[in-house]
Structures are given as C-alpha cells and as structure tokens.
C-alpha cells in the first residue's frame, strides 16, 4: 500500500464535475483506492460519496492505493486532486 497527501487547489473544491473525473479514473484501477478527508473516507467509486467528503479548496487529503503500479497511480491521483478544474474550459 502507498499513501500520498494532496491539497485541493480547485477554487470551488471537489464538486460534481471534478468528482466525476476522479471517480472515472479511480474506477478504471484494478486495485483499491481510499481517499480520506477531515470529514471521512470513501473508496473513489461513487461521485456522491466523493462530494459528501466536502473537499473544499485547501483541504488536505490522504490517498491510499493498493494494487498494481500503486506508487505511480497514487501520484497520478494526487495530481488530479490538485488540478485547477475550469468548467467550461476557457
């Protein structure tokens, strides 16, 4: 198991659109992913659960990844959580 930290950078936090992108990425992974925020933990398979964590800008989270190529995948997820999403793109 690999554990990495990330800090939410998106101005609006992790809302519907970013959570859909994160869950799509998490669902494609063959191993297990757990995301822990101050308000709780989810397994990154449900956008609703992801939204319910209330990850606002500057929230520090922990991402735990277990499975194939876990270190690279954990870094990839941390980068996604730290993305400045812009909807629609400008």
PDB file of N, CA and C in Angstrom:
ATOM      1  N   UNK A   1       0.840  -1.182   0.000  1.00  0.00           N
ATOM      2  CA  UNK A   1       0.000   0.000   0.000  1.00  0.00           C
ATOM      3  C   UNK A   1       0.884   1.245   0.000  1.00  0.00           C
ATOM      4  N   UNK A   2       0.494   2.223  -0.799  1.00  0.00           N
ATOM      5  CA  UNK A   2       1.186   3.501  -0.884  1.00  0.00           C
ATOM      6  C   UNK A   2       0.228   4.579  -0.404  1.00  0.00           C
ATOM      7  N   UNK A   3       0.766   5.534   0.334  1.00  0.00           N
ATOM      8  CA  UNK A   3      -0.050   6.632   0.849  1.00  0.00           C
ATOM      9  C   UNK A   3       0.596   7.952   0.446  1.00  0.00           C
ATOM     10  N   UNK A   4      -0.202   8.852  -0.154  1.00  0.00           N
ATOM     11  CA  UNK A   4       0.279  10.174  -0.525  1.00  0.00           C
ATOM     12  C   UNK A   4      -0.709  11.226  -0.017  1.00  0.00           C
ATOM     13  N   UNK A   5      -0.206  12.421   0.172  1.00  0.00           N
ATOM     14  CA  UNK A   5      -1.037  13.555   0.590  1.00  0.00           C
ATOM     15  C   UNK A   5      -1.248  14.465  -0.616  1.00  0.00           C
ATOM     16  N   UNK A   6      -2.370  15.157  -0.619  1.00  0.00           N
ATOM     17  CA  UNK A   6      -2.665  16.150  -1.644  1.00  0.00           C
ATOM     18  C   UNK A   6      -3.468  17.267  -0.987  1.00  0.00           C
ATOM     19  N   UNK A   7      -3.395  18.446  -1.567  1.00  0.00           N
ATOM     20  CA  UNK A   7      -4.166  19.591  -1.088  1.00  0.00           C
ATOM     21  C   UNK A   7      -5.044  20.072  -2.236  1.00  0.00           C
ATOM     22  N   UNK A   8      -6.336  20.158  -1.992  1.00  0.00           N
ATOM     23  CA  UNK A   8      -7.289  20.565  -3.023  1.00  0.00           C
ATOM     24  C   UNK A   8      -6.980  21.999  -3.448  1.00  0.00           C
ATOM     25  N   UNK A   9      -6.814  22.207  -4.760  1.00  0.00           N
ATOM     26  CA  UNK A   9      -6.466  23.522  -5.295  1.00  0.00           C
ATOM     27  C   UNK A   9      -7.613  24.190  -6.037  1.00  0.00           C
ATOM     28  N   UNK A  10      -8.599  23.429  -6.456  1.00  0.00           N
ATOM     29  CA  UNK A  10      -9.698  23.983  -7.232  1.00  0.00           C
ATOM     30  C   UNK A  10     -10.471  24.999  -6.396  1.00  0.00           C
ATOM     31  N   UNK A  11     -10.727  26.181  -6.957  1.00  0.00           N
ATOM     32  CA  UNK A  11     -11.419  27.251  -6.235  1.00  0.00           C
ATOM     33  C   UNK A  11     -12.758  26.800  -5.653  1.00  0.00           C
ATOM     34  N   UNK A  12     -13.507  26.007  -6.398  1.00  0.00           N
ATOM     35  CA  UNK A  12     -14.829  25.558  -5.949  1.00  0.00           C
ATOM     36  C   UNK A  12     -14.768  24.220  -5.230  1.00  0.00           C
ATOM     37  N   UNK A  13     -13.586  23.724  -4.959  1.00  0.00           N
ATOM     38  CA  UNK A  13     -13.450  22.431  -4.295  1.00  0.00           C
ATOM     39  C   UNK A  13     -13.772  21.292  -5.248  1.00  0.00           C
ATOM     40  N   UNK A  14     -13.991  20.122  -4.676  1.00  0.00           N
ATOM     41  CA  UNK A  14     -14.335  18.949  -5.487  1.00  0.00           C
ATOM     42  C   UNK A  14     -15.853  18.834  -5.503  1.00  0.00           C
ATOM     43  N   UNK A  15     -16.449  19.346  -6.574  1.00  0.00           N
ATOM     44  CA  UNK A  15     -17.901  19.318  -6.740  1.00  0.00           C
ATOM     45  C   UNK A  15     -18.250  18.259  -7.787  1.00  0.00           C
ATOM     46  N   UNK A  16     -19.410  18.333  -8.387  1.00  0.00           N
ATOM     47  CA  UNK A  16     -19.906  17.282  -9.288  1.00  0.00           C
ATOM     48  C   UNK A  16     -18.963  16.943 -10.444  1.00  0.00           C
ATOM     49  N   UNK A  17     -18.543  17.933 -11.199  1.00  0.00           N
ATOM     50  CA  UNK A  17     -17.727  17.642 -12.382  1.00  0.00           C
ATOM     51  C   UNK A  17     -16.348  17.085 -12.028  1.00  0.00           C
ATOM     52  N   UNK A  18     -15.611  17.719 -11.120  1.00  0.00           N
ATOM     53  CA  UNK A  18     -14.317  17.114 -10.760  1.00  0.00           C
ATOM     54  C   UNK A  18     -14.472  15.723 -10.153  1.00  0.00           C
ATOM     55  N   UNK A  19     -15.506  15.534  -9.324  1.00  0.00           N
ATOM     56  CA  UNK A  19     -15.674  14.214  -8.711  1.00  0.00           C
ATOM     57  C   UNK A  19     -15.964  13.151  -9.759  1.00  0.00           C
ATOM     58  N   UNK A  20     -16.691  13.506 -10.820  1.00  0.00           N
ATOM     59  CA  UNK A  20     -16.961  12.545 -11.899  1.00  0.00           C
ATOM     60  C   UNK A  20     -15.659  12.131 -12.584  1.00  0.00           C
ATOM     61  N   UNK A  21     -14.769  13.089 -12.802  1.00  0.00           N
ATOM     62  CA  UNK A  21     -13.473  12.787 -13.422  1.00  0.00           C
ATOM     63  C   UNK A  21     -12.646  11.893 -12.502  1.00  0.00           C
ATOM     64  N   UNK A  22     -12.628  12.215 -11.214  1.00  0.00           N
ATOM     65  CA  UNK A  22     -11.858  11.434 -10.250  1.00  0.00           C
ATOM     66  C   UNK A  22     -12.393  10.008 -10.113  1.00  0.00           C
ATOM     67  N   UNK A  23     -13.712   9.871 -10.052  1.00  0.00           N
ATOM     68  CA  UNK A  23     -14.316   8.537  -9.924  1.00  0.00           C
ATOM     69  C   UNK A  23     -14.083   7.715 -11.187  1.00  0.00           C
ATOM     70  N   UNK A  24     -14.166   8.350 -12.350  1.00  0.00           N
ATOM     71  CA  UNK A  24     -13.889   7.633 -13.603  1.00  0.00           C
ATOM     72  C   UNK A  24     -12.455   7.086 -13.577  1.00  0.00           C
ATOM     73  N   UNK A  25     -11.527   7.913 -13.146  1.00  0.00           N
ATOM     74  CA  UNK A  25     -10.128   7.481 -13.057  1.00  0.00           C
ATOM     75  C   UNK A  25      -9.967   6.381 -12.005  1.00  0.00           C
ATOM     76  N   UNK A  26     -10.595   6.557 -10.855  1.00  0.00           N
ATOM     77  CA  UNK A  26     -10.499   5.554  -9.789  1.00  0.00           C
ATOM     78  C   UNK A  26     -11.141   4.235 -10.152  1.00  0.00           C
ATOM     79  N   UNK A  27     -12.244   4.276 -10.867  1.00  0.00           N
ATOM     80  CA  UNK A  27     -12.955   3.055 -11.248  1.00  0.00           C
ATOM     81  C   UNK A  27     -12.182   2.230 -12.270  1.00  0.00           C
ATOM     82  N   UNK A  28     -11.278   2.864 -12.997  1.00  0.00           N
ATOM     83  CA  UNK A  28     -10.515   2.137 -14.005  1.00  0.00           C
ATOM     84  C   UNK A  28      -9.313   1.398 -13.406  1.00  0.00           C
ATOM     85  N   UNK A  29      -9.048   1.604 -12.131  1.00  0.00           N
ATOM     86  CA  UNK A  29      -7.883   0.982 -11.489  1.00  0.00           C
ATOM     87  C   UNK A  29      -8.233  -0.404 -10.962  1.00  0.00           C
ATOM     88  N   UNK A  30      -7.338  -1.359 -11.159  1.00  0.00           N
ATOM     89  CA  UNK A  30      -7.588  -2.753 -10.773  1.00  0.00           C
ATOM     90  C   UNK A  30      -7.444  -2.989  -9.269  1.00  0.00           C
ATOM     91  N   UNK A  31      -6.829  -2.077  -8.551  1.00  0.00           N
ATOM     92  CA  UNK A  31      -6.622  -2.243  -7.118  1.00  0.00           C
ATOM     93  C   UNK A  31      -7.648  -1.474  -6.302  1.00  0.00           C
ATOM     94  N   UNK A  32      -7.260  -1.134  -5.080  1.00  0.00           N
ATOM     95  CA  UNK A  32      -8.146  -0.429  -4.154  1.00  0.00           C
ATOM     96  C   UNK A  32      -7.615   0.977  -3.901  1.00  0.00           C
ATOM     97  N   UNK A  33      -8.539   1.938  -3.856  1.00  0.00           N
ATOM     98  CA  UNK A  33      -8.192   3.334  -3.593  1.00  0.00           C
ATOM     99  C   UNK A  33      -9.083   3.843  -2.467  1.00  0.00           C
ATOM    100  N   UNK A  34      -8.464   4.443  -1.458  1.00  0.00           N
ATOM    101  CA  UNK A  34      -9.209   5.088  -0.384  1.00  0.00           C
ATOM    102  C   UNK A  34      -8.767   6.540  -0.299  1.00  0.00           C
ATOM    103  N   UNK A  35      -9.746   7.435  -0.189  1.00  0.00           N
ATOM    104  CA  UNK A  35      -9.471   8.860  -0.044  1.00  0.00           C
ATOM    105  C   UNK A  35      -9.999   9.283   1.320  1.00  0.00           C
ATOM    106  N   UNK A  36      -9.134   9.896   2.122  1.00  0.00           N
ATOM    107  CA  UNK A  36      -9.522  10.324   3.453  1.00  0.00           C
ATOM    108  C   UNK A  36      -9.387  11.835   3.557  1.00  0.00           C
ATOM    109  N   UNK A  37     -10.478  12.481   3.957  1.00  0.00           N
ATOM    110  CA  UNK A  37     -10.523  13.919   4.210  1.00  0.00           C
ATOM    111  C   UNK A  37     -10.864  14.100   5.693  1.00  0.00           C
ATOM    112  N   UNK A  38     -10.784  15.312   6.213  1.00  0.00           N
ATOM    113  CA  UNK A  38     -11.133  15.515   7.623  1.00  0.00           C
ATOM    114  C   UNK A  38     -12.538  15.023   7.989  1.00  0.00           C
ATOM    115  N   UNK A  39     -13.435  14.981   7.011  1.00  0.00           N
ATOM    116  CA  UNK A  39     -14.821  14.582   7.278  1.00  0.00           C
ATOM    117  C   UNK A  39     -15.094  13.094   7.115  1.00  0.00           C
ATOM    118  N   UNK A  40     -14.134  12.304   6.605  1.00  0.00           N
ATOM    119  CA  UNK A  40     -14.374  10.876   6.428  1.00  0.00           C
ATOM    120  C   UNK A  40     -13.542  10.261   5.320  1.00  0.00           C
ATOM    121  N   UNK A  41     -13.957   9.053   4.927  1.00  0.00           N
ATOM    122  CA  UNK A  41     -13.219   8.275   3.931  1.00  0.00           C
ATOM    123  C   UNK A  41     -14.186   7.712   2.904  1.00  0.00           C
ATOM    124  N   UNK A  42     -13.737   7.659   1.639  1.00  0.00           N
ATOM    125  CA  UNK A  42     -14.521   6.982   0.602  1.00  0.00           C
ATOM    126  C   UNK A  42     -13.569   6.193  -0.283  1.00  0.00           C
ATOM    127  N   UNK A  43     -14.120   5.266  -1.070  1.00  0.00           N
ATOM    128  CA  UNK A  43     -13.286   4.390  -1.891  1.00  0.00           C
ATOM    129  C   UNK A  43     -13.173   4.839  -3.345  1.00  0.00           C
ATOM    130  N   UNK A  44     -13.608   6.022  -3.668  1.00  0.00           N
ATOM    131  CA  UNK A  44     -13.486   6.623  -5.003  1.00  0.00           C
ATOM    132  C   UNK A  44     -14.176   5.803  -6.098  1.00  0.00           C
ATOM    133  N   UNK A  45     -15.316   5.213  -5.759  1.00  0.00           N
ATOM    134  CA  UNK A  45     -16.132   4.535  -6.764  1.00  0.00           C
ATOM    135  C   UNK A  45     -17.480   5.227  -6.933  1.00  0.00           C
ATOM    136  N   UNK A  46     -17.758   6.223  -6.104  1.00  0.00           N
ATOM    137  CA  UNK A  46     -19.034   6.920  -6.163  1.00  0.00           C
ATOM    138  C   UNK A  46     -18.800   8.429  -6.127  1.00  0.00           C
ATOM    139  N   UNK A  47     -19.316   9.127  -7.138  1.00  0.00           N
ATOM    140  CA  UNK A  47     -19.181  10.587  -7.171  1.00  0.00           C
ATOM    141  C   UNK A  47     -19.885  11.216  -5.977  1.00  0.00           C
ATOM    142  N   UNK A  48     -21.026  10.666  -5.593  1.00  0.00           N
ATOM    143  CA  UNK A  48     -21.771  11.209  -4.460  1.00  0.00           C
ATOM    144  C   UNK A  48     -20.966  11.096  -3.168  1.00  0.00           C
ATOM    145  N   UNK A  49     -20.346   9.943  -2.943  1.00  0.00           N
ATOM    146  CA  UNK A  49     -19.521   9.778  -1.744  1.00  0.00           C
ATOM    147  C   UNK A  49     -18.348  10.751  -1.765  1.00  0.00           C
ATOM    148  N   UNK A  50     -17.772  10.939  -2.930  1.00  0.00           N
ATOM    149  CA  UNK A  50     -16.656  11.871  -3.081  1.00  0.00           C
ATOM    150  C   UNK A  50     -17.102  13.294  -2.743  1.00  0.00           C
ATOM    151  N   UNK A  51     -18.247  13.705  -3.251  1.00  0.00           N
ATOM    152  CA  UNK A  51     -18.779  15.039  -2.977  1.00  0.00           C
ATOM    153  C   UNK A  51     -19.095  15.202  -1.494  1.00  0.00           C
ATOM    154  N   UNK A  52     -19.634  14.154  -0.882  1.00  0.00           N
ATOM    155  CA  UNK A  52     -20.028  14.217   0.526  1.00  0.00           C
ATOM    156  C   UNK A  52     -18.839  14.406   1.479  1.00  0.00           C
ATOM    157  N   UNK A  53     -17.626  14.171   1.003  1.00  0.00           N
ATOM    158  CA  UNK A  53     -16.460  14.428   1.846  1.00  0.00           C
ATOM    159  C   UNK A  53     -16.230  15.927   2.047  1.00  0.00           C
ATOM    160  N   UNK A  54     -16.888  16.759   1.251  1.00  0.00           N
ATOM    161  CA  UNK A  54     -16.792  18.205   1.415  1.00  0.00           C
ATOM    162  C   UNK A  54     -15.388  18.746   1.227  1.00  0.00           C
ATOM    163  N   UNK A  55     -14.709  18.277   0.182  1.00  0.00           N
ATOM    164  CA  UNK A  55     -13.324  18.692  -0.056  1.00  0.00           C
ATOM    165  C   UNK A  55     -13.290  20.068  -0.704  1.00  0.00           C
ATOM    166  N   UNK A  56     -13.137  21.086   0.111  1.00  0.00           N
ATOM    167  CA  UNK A  56     -13.067  22.459  -0.361  1.00  0.00           C
ATOM    168  C   UNK A  56     -11.620  22.838  -0.637  1.00  0.00           C
ATOM    169  N   UNK A  57     -11.427  23.995  -1.253  1.00  0.00           N
ATOM    170  CA  UNK A  57     -10.077  24.484  -1.541  1.00  0.00           C
ATOM    171  C   UNK A  57      -9.242  24.482  -0.257  1.00  0.00           C
ATOM    172  N   UNK A  58      -8.007  24.055  -0.384  1.00  0.00           N
ATOM    173  CA  UNK A  58      -7.025  23.979   0.708  1.00  0.00           C
ATOM    174  C   UNK A  58      -7.255  22.839   1.698  1.00  0.00           C
ATOM    175  N   UNK A  59      -8.197  21.941   1.418  1.00  0.00           N
ATOM    176  CA  UNK A  59      -8.384  20.758   2.258  1.00  0.00           C
ATOM    177  C   UNK A  59      -7.262  19.774   1.966  1.00  0.00           C
ATOM    178  N   UNK A  60      -6.601  19.291   3.019  1.00  0.00           N
ATOM    179  CA  UNK A  60      -5.568  18.269   2.838  1.00  0.00           C
ATOM    180  C   UNK A  60      -6.233  16.897   2.925  1.00  0.00           C
ATOM    181  N   UNK A  61      -5.911  16.050   1.950  1.00  0.00           N
ATOM    182  CA  UNK A  61      -6.461  14.696   1.914  1.00  0.00           C
ATOM    183  C   UNK A  61      -5.318  13.691   1.860  1.00  0.00           C
ATOM    184  N   UNK A  62      -5.660  12.447   2.190  1.00  0.00           N
ATOM    185  CA  UNK A  62      -4.725  11.334   2.087  1.00  0.00           C
ATOM    186  C   UNK A  62      -5.298  10.340   1.091  1.00  0.00           C
ATOM    187  N   UNK A  63      -4.470   9.901   0.170  1.00  0.00           N
ATOM    188  CA  UNK A  63      -4.876   8.918  -0.842  1.00  0.00           C
ATOM    189  C   UNK A  63      -4.077   7.651  -0.595  1.00  0.00           C
ATOM    190  N   UNK A  64      -4.777   6.534  -0.398  1.00  0.00           N
ATOM    191  CA  UNK A  64      -4.127   5.236  -0.206  1.00  0.00           C
ATOM    192  C   UNK A  64      -4.438   4.360  -1.411  1.00  0.00           C
ATOM    193  N   UNK A  65      -3.404   3.803  -1.995  1.00  0.00           N
ATOM    194  CA  UNK A  65      -3.564   2.960  -3.179  1.00  0.00           C
ATOM    195  C   UNK A  65      -2.899   1.615  -2.919  1.00  0.00           C
ATOM    196  N   UNK A  66      -3.638   0.536  -3.179  1.00  0.00           N
ATOM    197  CA  UNK A  66      -3.108  -0.827  -3.072  1.00  0.00           C
ATOM    198  C   UNK A  66      -3.394  -1.548  -4.378  1.00  0.00           C
ATOM    199  N   UNK A  67      -2.350  -2.089  -5.001  1.00  0.00           N
ATOM    200  CA  UNK A  67      -2.557  -2.827  -6.235  1.00  0.00           C
ATOM    201  C   UNK A  67      -1.400  -2.630  -7.188  1.00  0.00           C
ATOM    202  N   UNK A  68      -1.623  -2.978  -8.444  1.00  0.00           N
ATOM    203  CA  UNK A  68      -0.551  -2.886  -9.438  1.00  0.00           C
ATOM    204  C   UNK A  68      -0.090  -1.449  -9.675  1.00  0.00           C
ATOM    205  N   UNK A  69       1.218  -1.269  -9.736  1.00  0.00           N
ATOM    206  CA  UNK A  69       1.828   0.034 -10.013  1.00  0.00           C
ATOM    207  C   UNK A  69       1.252   1.133  -9.115  1.00  0.00           C
ATOM    208  N   UNK A  70       1.108   0.782  -7.833  1.00  0.00           N
ATOM    209  CA  UNK A  70       0.415   1.661  -6.885  1.00  0.00           C
ATOM    210  C   UNK A  70       1.099   3.011  -6.677  1.00  0.00           C
ATOM    211  N   UNK A  71       2.413   3.046  -6.699  1.00  0.00           N
ATOM    212  CA  UNK A  71       3.121   4.308  -6.461  1.00  0.00           C
ATOM    213  C   UNK A  71       2.831   5.331  -7.566  1.00  0.00           C
ATOM    214  N   UNK A  72       2.933   4.895  -8.809  1.00  0.00           N
ATOM    215  CA  UNK A  72       2.660   5.787  -9.943  1.00  0.00           C
ATOM    216  C   UNK A  72       1.195   6.206  -9.961  1.00  0.00           C
ATOM    217  N   UNK A  73       0.313   5.288  -9.633  1.00  0.00           N
ATOM    218  CA  UNK A  73      -1.114   5.607  -9.665  1.00  0.00           C
ATOM    219  C   UNK A  73      -1.475   6.585  -8.547  1.00  0.00           C
ATOM    220  N   UNK A  74      -0.862   6.422  -7.386  1.00  0.00           N
ATOM    221  CA  UNK A  74      -1.111   7.340  -6.271  1.00  0.00           C
ATOM    222  C   UNK A  74      -0.668   8.754  -6.645  1.00  0.00           C
ATOM    223  N   UNK A  75       0.475   8.885  -7.289  1.00  0.00           N
ATOM    224  CA  UNK A  75       0.948  10.205  -7.725  1.00  0.00           C
ATOM    225  C   UNK A  75       0.000  10.809  -8.763  1.00  0.00           C
ATOM    226  N   UNK A  76      -0.485   9.969  -9.670  1.00  0.00           N
ATOM    227  CA  UNK A  76      -1.410  10.430 -10.701  1.00  0.00           C
ATOM    228  C   UNK A  76      -2.701  10.967 -10.068  1.00  0.00           C
ATOM    229  N   UNK A  77      -3.222  10.244  -9.082  1.00  0.00           N
ATOM    230  CA  UNK A  77      -4.440  10.694  -8.397  1.00  0.00           C
ATOM    231  C   UNK A  77      -4.193  11.977  -7.618  1.00  0.00           C
ATOM    232  N   UNK A  78      -3.038  12.084  -6.967  1.00  0.00           N
ATOM    233  CA  UNK A  78      -2.715  13.303  -6.219  1.00  0.00           C
ATOM    234  C   UNK A  78      -2.696  14.500  -7.167  1.00  0.00           C
ATOM    235  N   UNK A  79      -2.128  14.322  -8.351  1.00  0.00           N
ATOM    236  CA  UNK A  79      -2.110  15.404  -9.341  1.00  0.00           C
ATOM    237  C   UNK A  79      -3.531  15.785  -9.758  1.00  0.00           C
ATOM    238  N   UNK A  80      -4.398  14.797  -9.933  1.00  0.00           N
ATOM    239  CA  UNK A  80      -5.784  15.094 -10.301  1.00  0.00           C
ATOM    240  C   UNK A  80      -6.494  15.867  -9.198  1.00  0.00           C
ATOM    241  N   UNK A  81      -6.309  15.436  -7.942  1.00  0.00           N
ATOM    242  CA  UNK A  81      -6.949  16.138  -6.832  1.00  0.00           C
ATOM    243  C   UNK A  81      -6.431  17.567  -6.694  1.00  0.00           C
ATOM    244  N   UNK A  82      -5.215  17.832  -7.158  1.00  0.00           N
ATOM    245  CA  UNK A  82      -4.635  19.167  -7.056  1.00  0.00           C
ATOM    246  C   UNK A  82      -4.821  19.999  -8.324  1.00  0.00           C
ATOM    247  N   UNK A  83      -5.624  19.496  -9.259  1.00  0.00           N
ATOM    248  CA  UNK A  83      -5.883  20.195 -10.513  1.00  0.00           C
ATOM    249  C   UNK A  83      -6.788  21.399 -10.294  1.00  0.00           C
ATOM    250  N   UNK A  84      -6.503  22.485 -11.011  1.00  0.00           N
ATOM    251  CA  UNK A  84      -7.391  23.647 -11.046  1.00  0.00           C
ATOM    252  C   UNK A  84      -8.381  23.388 -12.178  1.00  0.00           C
ATOM    253  N   UNK A  85      -9.524  22.791 -11.854  1.00  0.00           N
ATOM    254  CA  UNK A  85     -10.538  22.495 -12.869  1.00  0.00           C
ATOM    255  C   UNK A  85     -11.189  23.797 -13.305  1.00  0.00           C
ATOM    256  N   UNK A  86     -11.484  23.903 -14.583  1.00  0.00           N
ATOM    257  CA  UNK A  86     -12.134  25.085 -15.130  1.00  0.00           C
ATOM    258  C   UNK A  86     -13.235  24.606 -16.058  1.00  0.00           C
ATOM    259  N   UNK A  87     -14.471  24.739 -15.629  1.00  0.00           N
ATOM    260  CA  UNK A  87     -15.611  24.280 -16.424  1.00  0.00           C
ATOM    261  C   UNK A  87     -16.484  25.452 -16.786  1.00  0.00           C
ATOM    262  N   UNK A  88     -16.800  25.690 -18.008  1.00  0.00           N
ATOM    263  CA  UNK A  88     -16.179  25.058 -19.175  1.00  0.00           C
ATOM    264  C   UNK A  88     -14.779  25.625 -19.394  1.00  0.00           C
ATOM    265  N   UNK A  89     -13.935  24.893 -20.133  1.00  0.00           N
ATOM    266  CA  UNK A  89     -12.568  25.381 -20.383  1.00  0.00           C
ATOM    267  C   UNK A  89     -12.611  26.721 -21.116  1.00  0.00           C
ATOM    268  N   UNK A  90     -11.678  27.590 -20.771  1.00  0.00           N
ATOM    269  CA  UNK A  90     -11.648  28.917 -21.406  1.00  0.00           C
ATOM    270  C   UNK A  90     -10.499  29.025 -22.369  1.00  0.00           C
TER     271      UNK A  90
END
